[in-house]
Amino acid sequence: MDSNVVEKIKSEIGYLTFLSSHDYYHLIRVYNNVVMLCSVENLPKDVATTSMLAALLHDVGHKKVSYTSRNEHEQESANIAKELLAKHGLLQEDIENVLNCIRNHRVSVHVDSDSMAIRVLQDADRLDALGAIAIARTFSYDSNRPIYLPSEPPKDTYDGISLSSINHIIEKVLKLMPDTFNTALAQKIARKRLIYVQGFVDEFIKEWNGER
């Protein structure tokens, strides 16, 4: 696969409109995470290129929705990606490998696959869903979602809909356990970021309750 297509796709996705928490810069951050992980894992060029392209395109179908609705965007992202990739003359097999990554990138998807391209993309995407940026993304997701509702305790199991931003962090972000990441480096980074997020939630609750 021609790796030059990565730079071409990177230059083309900027015109697309994304939800703020899944915007162009999210795609670039995930792409940068993929580059880092591929380098450490010493992945073959074709596998790395597949994962890089999928990173740049994995959320291009993500549309603005209310926090009360679950956004199933992976198939729409794959449809848009297919059109963009086809313009660059990629082999159908190469396109399908990228689309397969996109369809299976979601945190909630547990893929029983030996595809390192999928595993690296999942790690890269999950890393952007954990840490300081994840907190910022949560609060930017929907301006109508309350910051915190003490009367609405967090759900034990995340179902795609959180009634407050703090609940989302507790229900989803803090459930990203390091040992569920696929690569050793991602696990190491996740451990540090998980501690940071837990500290933020603890401090938030203290301040909300007027504690010193």
N, C-alpha and C. Protein backbone atom coordinates (compact mmCIF):
# COMPACT_ATOMS: atom_id res chain seq x y z
N MET A 1 0.84 -1.19 0.00
CA MET A 1 0.00 0.00 0.00
C MET A 1 0.88 1.25 0.00
N ASP A 2 0.51 2.25 -0.80
CA ASP A 2 1.28 3.49 -0.90
C ASP A 2 1.06 4.32 0.37
N SER A 3 2.13 4.49 1.16
CA SER A 3 2.00 5.22 2.41
C SER A 3 1.77 6.72 2.19
N ASN A 4 2.03 7.21 0.95
CA ASN A 4 1.81 8.62 0.66
C ASN A 4 0.34 9.00 0.77
N VAL A 5 -0.54 8.01 0.67
CA VAL A 5 -1.97 8.29 0.76
C VAL A 5 -2.34 8.80 2.15
N VAL A 6 -1.53 8.47 3.16
CA VAL A 6 -1.80 8.94 4.52
C VAL A 6 -1.79 10.46 4.57
N GLU A 7 -0.76 11.08 4.00
CA GLU A 7 -0.67 12.54 4.00
C GLU A 7 -1.78 13.16 3.15
N LYS A 8 -2.15 12.50 2.09
CA LYS A 8 -3.24 13.01 1.24
C LYS A 8 -4.56 13.01 2.01
N ILE A 9 -4.84 11.92 2.71
CA ILE A 9 -6.08 11.84 3.49
C ILE A 9 -6.06 12.85 4.63
N LYS A 10 -4.92 13.01 5.26
CA LYS A 10 -4.79 13.97 6.37
C LYS A 10 -5.15 15.38 5.91
N SER A 11 -4.74 15.72 4.68
CA SER A 11 -5.01 17.06 4.15
C SER A 11 -6.46 17.22 3.70
N GLU A 12 -7.16 16.11 3.50
CA GLU A 12 -8.53 16.17 2.98
C GLU A 12 -9.61 16.18 4.06
N ILE A 13 -9.30 15.67 5.24
CA ILE A 13 -10.36 15.52 6.25
C ILE A 13 -10.65 16.81 7.00
N GLY A 14 -9.81 17.83 6.83
CA GLY A 14 -10.01 19.07 7.56
C GLY A 14 -11.30 19.79 7.21
N TYR A 15 -11.84 19.55 6.00
CA TYR A 15 -13.04 20.27 5.57
C TYR A 15 -14.31 19.66 6.16
N LEU A 16 -14.20 18.46 6.69
CA LEU A 16 -15.37 17.79 7.25
C LEU A 16 -15.74 18.41 8.59
N THR A 17 -17.03 18.44 8.90
CA THR A 17 -17.51 19.01 10.16
C THR A 17 -17.73 17.91 11.17
N PHE A 18 -17.16 18.08 12.37
CA PHE A 18 -17.27 17.07 13.40
C PHE A 18 -17.82 17.66 14.68
N LEU A 19 -18.39 16.82 15.50
CA LEU A 19 -18.73 17.18 16.87
C LEU A 19 -17.44 17.53 17.61
N SER A 20 -17.48 18.55 18.47
CA SER A 20 -16.25 19.06 19.08
C SER A 20 -15.42 18.00 19.78
N SER A 21 -16.08 17.05 20.44
CA SER A 21 -15.33 16.02 21.15
C SER A 21 -14.76 14.95 20.21
N HIS A 22 -15.24 14.97 18.96
CA HIS A 22 -14.75 14.02 17.96
C HIS A 22 -14.37 14.79 16.68
N ASP A 23 -13.64 15.87 16.88
CA ASP A 23 -13.32 16.76 15.77
C ASP A 23 -12.05 16.35 15.05
N TYR A 24 -11.62 17.21 14.13
CA TYR A 24 -10.39 16.96 13.36
C TYR A 24 -9.20 16.71 14.28
N TYR A 25 -9.13 17.46 15.37
CA TYR A 25 -7.98 17.34 16.26
C TYR A 25 -8.00 16.03 17.04
N HIS A 26 -9.20 15.51 17.30
CA HIS A 26 -9.29 14.17 17.89
C HIS A 26 -8.70 13.15 16.92
N LEU A 27 -9.05 13.27 15.66
CA LEU A 27 -8.51 12.34 14.65
C LEU A 27 -6.99 12.43 14.58
N ILE A 28 -6.46 13.65 14.65
CA ILE A 28 -5.00 13.83 14.59
C ILE A 28 -4.34 13.28 15.84
N ARG A 29 -4.96 13.48 17.01
CA ARG A 29 -4.37 12.92 18.25
C ARG A 29 -4.34 11.40 18.19
N VAL A 30 -5.44 10.79 17.72
CA VAL A 30 -5.47 9.33 17.61
C VAL A 30 -4.45 8.86 16.58
N TYR A 31 -4.34 9.59 15.48
CA TYR A 31 -3.33 9.27 14.47
C TYR A 31 -1.92 9.31 15.09
N ASN A 32 -1.63 10.35 15.85
CA ASN A 32 -0.31 10.45 16.49
C ASN A 32 -0.08 9.32 17.47
N ASN A 33 -1.13 8.91 18.18
CA ASN A 33 -1.01 7.76 19.08
C ASN A 33 -0.69 6.49 18.29
N VAL A 34 -1.33 6.33 17.15
CA VAL A 34 -1.08 5.17 16.29
C VAL A 34 0.37 5.16 15.83
N VAL A 35 0.86 6.30 15.38
CA VAL A 35 2.26 6.40 14.92
C VAL A 35 3.21 5.97 16.04
N MET A 36 2.94 6.47 17.25
CA MET A 36 3.77 6.12 18.40
C MET A 36 3.74 4.63 18.68
N LEU A 37 2.55 4.05 18.71
CA LEU A 37 2.41 2.63 19.05
C LEU A 37 2.99 1.74 17.96
N CYS A 38 2.79 2.12 16.70
CA CYS A 38 3.33 1.32 15.60
C CYS A 38 4.85 1.31 15.64
N SER A 39 5.43 2.43 16.02
CA SER A 39 6.89 2.52 16.10
C SER A 39 7.42 1.61 17.20
N VAL A 40 6.79 1.66 18.36
CA VAL A 40 7.24 0.84 19.49
C VAL A 40 7.02 -0.65 19.20
N GLU A 41 5.89 -0.97 18.58
CA GLU A 41 5.58 -2.36 18.26
C GLU A 41 6.34 -2.86 17.03
N ASN A 42 7.00 -1.92 16.32
CA ASN A 42 7.78 -2.27 15.12
C ASN A 42 6.92 -3.03 14.11
N LEU A 43 5.74 -2.48 13.82
CA LEU A 43 4.80 -3.15 12.93
C LEU A 43 5.22 -3.01 11.47
N PRO A 44 4.89 -3.98 10.64
CA PRO A 44 5.18 -3.88 9.20
C PRO A 44 4.54 -2.63 8.61
N LYS A 45 5.14 -2.12 7.56
CA LYS A 45 4.69 -0.87 6.96
C LYS A 45 3.22 -0.90 6.56
N ASP A 46 2.78 -2.00 5.93
CA ASP A 46 1.38 -2.08 5.47
C ASP A 46 0.41 -2.06 6.65
N VAL A 47 0.76 -2.76 7.72
CA VAL A 47 -0.11 -2.79 8.91
C VAL A 47 -0.19 -1.40 9.53
N ALA A 48 0.95 -0.75 9.64
CA ALA A 48 1.00 0.60 10.21
C ALA A 48 0.19 1.57 9.36
N THR A 49 0.34 1.48 8.04
CA THR A 49 -0.39 2.38 7.15
C THR A 49 -1.89 2.17 7.27
N THR A 50 -2.31 0.93 7.37
CA THR A 50 -3.74 0.61 7.55
C THR A 50 -4.27 1.26 8.82
N SER A 51 -3.54 1.12 9.90
CA SER A 51 -3.97 1.68 11.17
C SER A 51 -3.97 3.20 11.15
N MET A 52 -2.98 3.80 10.49
CA MET A 52 -2.91 5.26 10.38
C MET A 52 -4.11 5.81 9.60
N LEU A 53 -4.42 5.18 8.48
CA LEU A 53 -5.56 5.62 7.68
C LEU A 53 -6.86 5.48 8.47
N ALA A 54 -7.00 4.38 9.18
CA ALA A 54 -8.20 4.15 9.98
C ALA A 54 -8.32 5.20 11.08
N ALA A 55 -7.18 5.57 11.66
CA ALA A 55 -7.19 6.60 12.72
C ALA A 55 -7.71 7.92 12.17
N LEU A 56 -7.28 8.30 10.99
CA LEU A 56 -7.69 9.56 10.40
C LEU A 56 -9.16 9.57 9.99
N LEU A 57 -9.73 8.39 9.80
CA LEU A 57 -11.09 8.31 9.25
C LEU A 57 -12.11 7.68 10.20
N HIS A 58 -11.69 7.24 11.38
CA HIS A 58 -12.56 6.41 12.20
C HIS A 58 -13.79 7.12 12.74
N ASP A 59 -13.76 8.46 12.82
CA ASP A 59 -14.91 9.20 13.35
C ASP A 59 -15.49 10.20 12.37
N VAL A 60 -15.21 10.07 11.09
CA VAL A 60 -15.71 11.05 10.12
C VAL A 60 -17.22 10.97 9.96
N GLY A 61 -17.85 9.93 10.46
CA GLY A 61 -19.30 9.80 10.39
C GLY A 61 -19.99 10.15 11.69
N HIS A 62 -19.22 10.69 12.64
CA HIS A 62 -19.78 11.03 13.96
C HIS A 62 -20.58 12.32 13.85
N LYS A 63 -21.87 12.26 14.14
CA LYS A 63 -22.75 13.40 14.00
C LYS A 63 -23.15 13.95 15.36
N LYS A 64 -23.56 15.24 15.37
CA LYS A 64 -24.00 15.90 16.59
C LYS A 64 -25.30 15.26 17.06
N VAL A 65 -25.30 14.80 18.31
CA VAL A 65 -26.50 14.21 18.90
C VAL A 65 -26.64 14.73 20.33
N SER A 66 -27.82 14.50 20.88
CA SER A 66 -28.05 14.86 22.28
C SER A 66 -27.39 13.84 23.18
N TYR A 67 -27.07 14.25 24.40
CA TYR A 67 -26.48 13.31 25.36
C TYR A 67 -27.46 12.22 25.75
N THR A 68 -28.73 12.38 25.37
CA THR A 68 -29.74 11.36 25.70
C THR A 68 -29.86 10.31 24.60
N SER A 69 -29.03 10.41 23.57
CA SER A 69 -29.06 9.45 22.47
C SER A 69 -27.69 8.80 22.30
N ARG A 70 -27.70 7.54 21.97
CA ARG A 70 -26.45 6.83 21.70
C ARG A 70 -26.09 6.99 20.23
N ASN A 71 -24.85 7.33 19.95
CA ASN A 71 -24.41 7.57 18.58
C ASN A 71 -23.66 6.36 18.05
N GLU A 72 -24.29 5.62 17.15
CA GLU A 72 -23.65 4.46 16.52
C GLU A 72 -23.09 4.94 15.18
N HIS A 73 -21.84 5.33 15.17
CA HIS A 73 -21.29 6.05 14.03
C HIS A 73 -20.30 5.26 13.19
N GLU A 74 -19.91 4.07 13.65
CA GLU A 74 -18.81 3.39 12.98
C GLU A 74 -19.12 2.99 11.53
N GLN A 75 -20.36 2.57 11.25
CA GLN A 75 -20.70 2.17 9.89
C GLN A 75 -20.75 3.38 8.96
N GLU A 76 -21.31 4.49 9.46
CA GLU A 76 -21.34 5.70 8.64
C GLU A 76 -19.93 6.20 8.37
N SER A 77 -19.06 6.10 9.37
CA SER A 77 -17.66 6.48 9.17
C SER A 77 -17.00 5.60 8.11
N ALA A 78 -17.30 4.31 8.16
CA ALA A 78 -16.75 3.38 7.17
C ALA A 78 -17.25 3.72 5.77
N ASN A 79 -18.51 4.11 5.65
CA ASN A 79 -19.07 4.45 4.34
C ASN A 79 -18.37 5.67 3.74
N ILE A 80 -18.16 6.69 4.56
CA ILE A 80 -17.48 7.90 4.09
C ILE A 80 -16.02 7.58 3.75
N ALA A 81 -15.38 6.79 4.61
CA ALA A 81 -13.98 6.42 4.39
C ALA A 81 -13.81 5.66 3.08
N LYS A 82 -14.75 4.79 2.78
CA LYS A 82 -14.68 4.00 1.55
C LYS A 82 -14.65 4.91 0.32
N GLU A 83 -15.47 5.95 0.32
CA GLU A 83 -15.50 6.88 -0.81
C GLU A 83 -14.19 7.66 -0.93
N LEU A 84 -13.67 8.11 0.21
CA LEU A 84 -12.43 8.89 0.19
C LEU A 84 -11.25 8.03 -0.27
N LEU A 85 -11.16 6.81 0.24
CA LEU A 85 -10.04 5.95 -0.10
C LEU A 85 -10.09 5.49 -1.55
N ALA A 86 -11.29 5.27 -2.07
CA ALA A 86 -11.44 4.79 -3.45
C ALA A 86 -10.89 5.81 -4.44
N LYS A 87 -10.94 7.09 -4.09
CA LYS A 87 -10.44 8.14 -4.99
C LYS A 87 -8.94 8.08 -5.18
N HIS A 88 -8.25 7.38 -4.26
CA HIS A 88 -6.79 7.35 -4.31
C HIS A 88 -6.24 6.05 -4.91
N GLY A 89 -7.12 5.26 -5.50
CA GLY A 89 -6.68 4.09 -6.24
C GLY A 89 -6.15 2.95 -5.39
N LEU A 90 -6.55 2.87 -4.12
CA LEU A 90 -6.11 1.77 -3.28
C LEU A 90 -6.76 0.47 -3.74
N LEU A 91 -6.05 -0.62 -3.55
CA LEU A 91 -6.62 -1.93 -3.84
C LEU A 91 -7.81 -2.18 -2.94
N GLN A 92 -8.78 -2.93 -3.44
CA GLN A 92 -9.98 -3.20 -2.66
C GLN A 92 -9.64 -3.90 -1.35
N GLU A 93 -8.65 -4.78 -1.38
CA GLU A 93 -8.24 -5.48 -0.16
C GLU A 93 -7.71 -4.50 0.89
N ASP A 94 -6.93 -3.53 0.44
CA ASP A 94 -6.38 -2.54 1.36
C ASP A 94 -7.49 -1.66 1.94
N ILE A 95 -8.44 -1.27 1.09
CA ILE A 95 -9.56 -0.47 1.57
C ILE A 95 -10.36 -1.23 2.61
N GLU A 96 -10.61 -2.50 2.35
CA GLU A 96 -11.40 -3.31 3.28
C GLU A 96 -10.68 -3.47 4.62
N ASN A 97 -9.38 -3.57 4.59
CA ASN A 97 -8.63 -3.68 5.86
C ASN A 97 -8.81 -2.42 6.70
N VAL A 98 -8.80 -1.25 6.04
CA VAL A 98 -9.01 0.00 6.76
C VAL A 98 -10.43 0.06 7.30
N LEU A 99 -11.40 -0.30 6.48
CA LEU A 99 -12.80 -0.26 6.90
C LEU A 99 -13.06 -1.22 8.05
N ASN A 100 -12.39 -2.36 8.04
CA ASN A 100 -12.55 -3.33 9.12
C ASN A 100 -12.07 -2.74 10.45
N CYS A 101 -10.98 -1.97 10.40
CA CYS A 101 -10.50 -1.29 11.61
C CYS A 101 -11.54 -0.29 12.11
N ILE A 102 -12.08 0.50 11.19
CA ILE A 102 -13.04 1.53 11.56
C ILE A 102 -14.28 0.91 12.18
N ARG A 103 -14.77 -0.16 11.58
CA ARG A 103 -16.00 -0.80 12.10
C ARG A 103 -15.79 -1.39 13.49
N ASN A 104 -14.54 -1.67 13.85
CA ASN A 104 -14.27 -2.36 15.12
C ASN A 104 -13.43 -1.52 16.09
N HIS A 105 -13.47 -0.20 15.94
CA HIS A 105 -12.61 0.64 16.77
C HIS A 105 -13.24 1.01 18.11
N ARG A 106 -14.54 0.81 18.27
CA ARG A 106 -15.23 1.32 19.44
C ARG A 106 -14.72 0.69 20.73
N VAL A 107 -14.68 1.50 21.79
CA VAL A 107 -14.25 1.02 23.10
C VAL A 107 -15.12 -0.14 23.56
N SER A 108 -16.41 -0.08 23.21
CA SER A 108 -17.35 -1.11 23.66
C SER A 108 -17.27 -2.38 22.85
N VAL A 109 -16.50 -2.36 21.75
CA VAL A 109 -16.37 -3.54 20.90
C VAL A 109 -15.18 -4.38 21.35
N HIS A 110 -15.42 -5.62 21.66
CA HIS A 110 -14.33 -6.51 22.06
C HIS A 110 -14.04 -7.45 20.89
N VAL A 111 -12.95 -7.18 20.20
CA VAL A 111 -12.64 -7.91 18.97
C VAL A 111 -11.72 -9.09 19.25
N ASP A 112 -12.19 -10.25 18.92
CA ASP A 112 -11.35 -11.44 19.02
C ASP A 112 -10.64 -11.60 17.68
N SER A 113 -9.56 -10.86 17.52
CA SER A 113 -8.88 -10.80 16.23
C SER A 113 -7.38 -10.73 16.45
N ASP A 114 -6.64 -11.27 15.49
CA ASP A 114 -5.19 -11.18 15.55
C ASP A 114 -4.69 -9.99 14.73
N SER A 115 -5.63 -9.10 14.33
CA SER A 115 -5.26 -7.93 13.54
C SER A 115 -4.62 -6.88 14.43
N MET A 116 -3.32 -6.66 14.27
CA MET A 116 -2.64 -5.64 15.06
C MET A 116 -3.09 -4.25 14.65
N ALA A 117 -3.52 -4.09 13.41
CA ALA A 117 -4.01 -2.78 12.97
C ALA A 117 -5.24 -2.38 13.79
N ILE A 118 -6.14 -3.32 14.04
CA ILE A 118 -7.33 -3.05 14.86
C ILE A 118 -6.92 -2.80 16.30
N ARG A 119 -6.04 -3.63 16.81
CA ARG A 119 -5.65 -3.52 18.21
C ARG A 119 -4.94 -2.20 18.51
N VAL A 120 -4.09 -1.78 17.59
CA VAL A 120 -3.38 -0.52 17.77
C VAL A 120 -4.35 0.66 17.68
N LEU A 121 -5.29 0.62 16.72
CA LEU A 121 -6.27 1.69 16.60
C LEU A 121 -7.13 1.77 17.86
N GLN A 122 -7.56 0.64 18.38
CA GLN A 122 -8.36 0.65 19.60
C GLN A 122 -7.58 1.29 20.75
N ASP A 123 -6.34 0.91 20.90
CA ASP A 123 -5.51 1.50 21.97
C ASP A 123 -5.36 3.00 21.78
N ALA A 124 -5.08 3.41 20.54
CA ALA A 124 -4.87 4.83 20.25
C ALA A 124 -6.12 5.65 20.55
N ASP A 125 -7.27 5.11 20.19
CA ASP A 125 -8.54 5.80 20.43
C ASP A 125 -8.86 5.84 21.92
N ARG A 126 -8.63 4.75 22.61
CA ARG A 126 -8.90 4.68 24.04
C ARG A 126 -8.00 5.61 24.84
N LEU A 127 -6.77 5.78 24.40
CA LEU A 127 -5.87 6.70 25.10
C LEU A 127 -6.39 8.13 25.04
N ASP A 128 -7.06 8.49 23.95
CA ASP A 128 -7.62 9.84 23.86
C ASP A 128 -8.93 9.95 24.65
N ALA A 129 -9.41 8.82 25.15
CA ALA A 129 -10.62 8.80 25.98
C ALA A 129 -10.28 8.66 27.46
N LEU A 130 -9.00 8.86 27.79
CA LEU A 130 -8.55 8.68 29.16
C LEU A 130 -7.48 9.72 29.48
N GLY A 131 -7.70 10.51 30.53
CA GLY A 131 -6.73 11.53 30.90
C GLY A 131 -7.33 12.92 30.86
N ALA A 132 -6.47 13.94 30.86
CA ALA A 132 -6.92 15.33 30.90
C ALA A 132 -7.76 15.69 29.68
N ILE A 133 -7.32 15.24 28.50
CA ILE A 133 -8.08 15.54 27.29
C ILE A 133 -9.45 14.87 27.33
N ALA A 134 -9.51 13.68 27.88
CA ALA A 134 -10.80 12.98 28.00
C ALA A 134 -11.78 13.77 28.85
N ILE A 135 -11.29 14.38 29.92
CA ILE A 135 -12.15 15.20 30.77
C ILE A 135 -12.66 16.40 29.97
N ALA A 136 -11.77 17.07 29.24
CA ALA A 136 -12.17 18.21 28.43
C ALA A 136 -13.18 17.80 27.36
N ARG A 137 -12.96 16.67 26.72
CA ARG A 137 -13.88 16.19 25.69
C ARG A 137 -15.25 15.90 26.28
N THR A 138 -15.27 15.36 27.48
CA THR A 138 -16.55 15.04 28.12
C THR A 138 -17.39 16.30 28.33
N PHE A 139 -16.77 17.36 28.82
CA PHE A 139 -17.52 18.58 29.09
C PHE A 139 -17.88 19.34 27.82
N SER A 140 -17.22 19.04 26.71
CA SER A 140 -17.54 19.71 25.45
C SER A 140 -18.58 18.96 24.64
N TYR A 141 -18.95 17.76 25.06
CA TYR A 141 -19.79 16.89 24.23
C TYR A 141 -21.16 17.49 23.94
N ASP A 142 -21.83 17.98 24.95
CA ASP A 142 -23.17 18.54 24.77
C ASP A 142 -23.37 19.64 25.80
N SER A 143 -23.53 20.87 25.33
CA SER A 143 -23.66 22.00 26.25
C SER A 143 -24.93 21.93 27.10
N ASN A 144 -25.88 21.11 26.69
CA ASN A 144 -27.13 20.98 27.46
C ASN A 144 -27.04 19.93 28.56
N ARG A 145 -25.99 19.13 28.55
CA ARG A 145 -25.88 18.09 29.58
C ARG A 145 -25.41 18.73 30.88
N PRO A 146 -26.07 18.44 31.99
CA PRO A 146 -25.65 18.99 33.28
C PRO A 146 -24.24 18.55 33.64
N ILE A 147 -23.53 19.40 34.38
CA ILE A 147 -22.20 19.04 34.85
C ILE A 147 -22.30 17.87 35.81
N TYR A 148 -23.25 17.98 36.75
CA TYR A 148 -23.36 16.94 37.79
C TYR A 148 -24.77 16.99 38.37
N LEU A 149 -25.34 15.83 38.61
CA LEU A 149 -26.66 15.72 39.23
C LEU A 149 -26.55 14.76 40.41
N PRO A 150 -26.43 15.30 41.62
CA PRO A 150 -26.31 14.42 42.80
C PRO A 150 -27.46 13.45 42.95
N SER A 151 -28.62 13.81 42.42
CA SER A 151 -29.80 12.95 42.53
C SER A 151 -29.77 11.79 41.55
N GLU A 152 -28.82 11.80 40.62
CA GLU A 152 -28.70 10.74 39.61
C GLU A 152 -27.38 10.00 39.82
N PRO A 153 -27.36 8.96 40.61
CA PRO A 153 -26.10 8.24 40.84
C PRO A 153 -25.60 7.57 39.57
N PRO A 154 -24.29 7.44 39.41
CA PRO A 154 -23.72 6.78 38.22
C PRO A 154 -24.22 5.35 38.09
N LYS A 155 -24.42 4.91 36.86
CA LYS A 155 -24.84 3.54 36.59
C LYS A 155 -23.65 2.60 36.76
N ASP A 156 -23.94 1.40 37.17
CA ASP A 156 -22.87 0.41 37.31
C ASP A 156 -22.30 0.00 35.95
N THR A 157 -23.18 -0.03 34.94
CA THR A 157 -22.78 -0.43 33.60
C THR A 157 -23.11 0.68 32.62
N TYR A 158 -22.12 1.13 31.88
CA TYR A 158 -22.34 2.20 30.90
C TYR A 158 -23.19 1.68 29.75
N ASP A 159 -24.28 2.42 29.42
CA ASP A 159 -25.18 2.00 28.36
C ASP A 159 -25.18 2.96 27.17
N GLY A 160 -24.20 3.86 27.15
CA GLY A 160 -24.11 4.79 26.04
C GLY A 160 -24.74 6.14 26.31
N ILE A 161 -25.45 6.27 27.43
CA ILE A 161 -26.12 7.52 27.77
C ILE A 161 -25.81 7.87 29.22
N SER A 162 -25.17 9.01 29.45
CA SER A 162 -24.88 9.49 30.81
C SER A 162 -25.66 10.77 31.05
N LEU A 163 -26.30 10.88 32.21
CA LEU A 163 -27.17 12.01 32.50
C LEU A 163 -26.43 13.25 32.98
N SER A 164 -25.14 13.12 33.24
CA SER A 164 -24.31 14.28 33.58
C SER A 164 -22.89 14.00 33.13
N SER A 165 -22.10 15.07 33.02
CA SER A 165 -20.72 14.89 32.59
C SER A 165 -19.91 14.09 33.59
N ILE A 166 -20.11 14.37 34.87
CA ILE A 166 -19.39 13.61 35.90
C ILE A 166 -19.79 12.15 35.85
N ASN A 167 -21.07 11.87 35.65
CA ASN A 167 -21.50 10.49 35.53
C ASN A 167 -20.82 9.80 34.35
N HIS A 168 -20.67 10.53 33.24
CA HIS A 168 -20.01 9.94 32.08
C HIS A 168 -18.57 9.56 32.41
N ILE A 169 -17.88 10.44 33.11
CA ILE A 169 -16.50 10.15 33.49
C ILE A 169 -16.43 8.92 34.37
N ILE A 170 -17.36 8.81 35.32
CA ILE A 170 -17.37 7.66 36.24
C ILE A 170 -17.82 6.40 35.53
N GLU A 171 -18.87 6.51 34.70
CA GLU A 171 -19.46 5.34 34.05
C GLU A 171 -18.61 4.79 32.91
N LYS A 172 -17.91 5.67 32.22
CA LYS A 172 -17.17 5.23 31.04
C LYS A 172 -15.66 5.41 31.15
N VAL A 173 -15.22 6.65 31.42
CA VAL A 173 -13.79 6.92 31.42
C VAL A 173 -13.05 6.11 32.48
N LEU A 174 -13.58 6.10 33.68
CA LEU A 174 -12.92 5.37 34.77
C LEU A 174 -13.06 3.85 34.65
N LYS A 175 -13.82 3.39 33.65
CA LYS A 175 -13.94 1.95 33.42
C LYS A 175 -12.93 1.46 32.39
N LEU A 176 -12.10 2.37 31.88
CA LEU A 176 -11.07 1.98 30.92
C LEU A 176 -9.86 1.44 31.68
N MET A 177 -9.95 0.20 32.07
CA MET A 177 -8.90 -0.42 32.86
C MET A 177 -7.63 -0.66 32.01
N PRO A 178 -6.48 -0.34 32.54
CA PRO A 178 -5.23 -0.50 31.78
C PRO A 178 -5.03 -1.89 31.21
N ASP A 179 -5.45 -2.92 31.95
CA ASP A 179 -5.19 -4.28 31.46
C ASP A 179 -6.10 -4.68 30.30
N THR A 180 -7.05 -3.81 29.93
CA THR A 180 -7.89 -4.09 28.76
C THR A 180 -7.28 -3.52 27.48
N PHE A 181 -6.20 -2.74 27.61
CA PHE A 181 -5.50 -2.24 26.43
C PHE A 181 -4.66 -3.37 25.84
N ASN A 182 -4.39 -3.28 24.56
CA ASN A 182 -3.75 -4.39 23.84
C ASN A 182 -2.23 -4.39 23.89
N THR A 183 -1.63 -3.21 23.96
CA THR A 183 -0.18 -3.12 23.90
C THR A 183 0.39 -2.69 25.25
N ALA A 184 1.62 -3.08 25.52
CA ALA A 184 2.25 -2.79 26.81
C ALA A 184 2.41 -1.28 27.02
N LEU A 185 2.78 -0.55 25.96
CA LEU A 185 2.96 0.89 26.10
C LEU A 185 1.63 1.58 26.42
N ALA A 186 0.56 1.18 25.74
CA ALA A 186 -0.75 1.78 26.00
C ALA A 186 -1.20 1.49 27.42
N GLN A 187 -0.91 0.29 27.91
CA GLN A 187 -1.26 -0.06 29.29
C GLN A 187 -0.51 0.85 30.28
N LYS A 188 0.75 1.10 30.00
CA LYS A 188 1.55 1.95 30.88
C LYS A 188 1.00 3.38 30.91
N ILE A 189 0.68 3.92 29.74
CA ILE A 189 0.13 5.27 29.66
C ILE A 189 -1.24 5.33 30.34
N ALA A 190 -2.03 4.29 30.12
CA ALA A 190 -3.39 4.25 30.69
C ALA A 190 -3.36 4.26 32.21
N ARG A 191 -2.41 3.57 32.80
CA ARG A 191 -2.32 3.54 34.26
C ARG A 191 -2.13 4.95 34.83
N LYS A 192 -1.25 5.72 34.21
CA LYS A 192 -0.99 7.09 34.65
C LYS A 192 -2.22 7.96 34.47
N ARG A 193 -2.88 7.84 33.33
CA ARG A 193 -4.03 8.69 33.04
C ARG A 193 -5.23 8.33 33.90
N LEU A 194 -5.38 7.07 34.22
CA LEU A 194 -6.50 6.65 35.08
C LEU A 194 -6.37 7.28 36.46
N ILE A 195 -5.17 7.31 36.99
CA ILE A 195 -4.93 7.95 38.30
C ILE A 195 -5.29 9.43 38.24
N TYR A 196 -4.94 10.08 37.14
CA TYR A 196 -5.24 11.51 36.99
C TYR A 196 -6.75 11.75 37.01
N VAL A 197 -7.49 10.95 36.25
CA VAL A 197 -8.94 11.14 36.16
C VAL A 197 -9.61 10.87 37.50
N GLN A 198 -9.17 9.82 38.20
CA GLN A 198 -9.74 9.51 39.51
C GLN A 198 -9.50 10.67 40.47
N GLY A 199 -8.32 11.26 40.40
CA GLY A 199 -8.01 12.40 41.25
C GLY A 199 -8.90 13.59 40.95
N PHE A 200 -9.18 13.79 39.66
CA PHE A 200 -10.07 14.89 39.27
C PHE A 200 -11.48 14.68 39.84
N VAL A 201 -12.01 13.47 39.70
CA VAL A 201 -13.36 13.19 40.20
C VAL A 201 -13.41 13.36 41.71
N ASP A 202 -12.41 12.85 42.41
CA ASP A 202 -12.38 12.97 43.87
C ASP A 202 -12.38 14.44 44.29
N GLU A 203 -11.55 15.25 43.62
CA GLU A 203 -11.47 16.68 43.95
C GLU A 203 -12.78 17.39 43.61
N PHE A 204 -13.38 17.03 42.48
CA PHE A 204 -14.65 17.64 42.08
C PHE A 204 -15.73 17.41 43.13
N ILE A 205 -15.86 16.17 43.59
CA ILE A 205 -16.89 15.84 44.58
C ILE A 205 -16.64 16.58 45.89
N LYS A 206 -15.39 16.69 46.29
CA LYS A 206 -15.06 17.43 47.51
C LYS A 206 -15.47 18.89 47.39
N GLU A 207 -15.13 19.51 46.26
CA GLU A 207 -15.46 20.91 46.08
C GLU A 207 -16.97 21.09 45.97
N TRP A 208 -17.65 20.18 45.30
CA TRP A 208 -19.11 20.26 45.17
C TRP A 208 -19.78 20.22 46.54
N ASN A 209 -19.24 19.40 47.40
CA ASN A 209 -19.80 19.24 48.76
C ASN A 209 -19.29 20.28 49.74
N GLY A 210 -18.48 21.22 49.24
CA GLY A 210 -17.99 22.28 50.10
C GLY A 210 -16.92 21.85 51.08
N GLU A 211 -16.22 20.76 50.77
CA GLU A 211 -15.18 20.28 51.65
C GLU A 211 -13.87 21.01 51.35
N ARG A 212 -13.02 21.12 52.37
CA ARG A 212 -11.73 21.76 52.19
C ARG A 212 -10.71 20.76 51.64
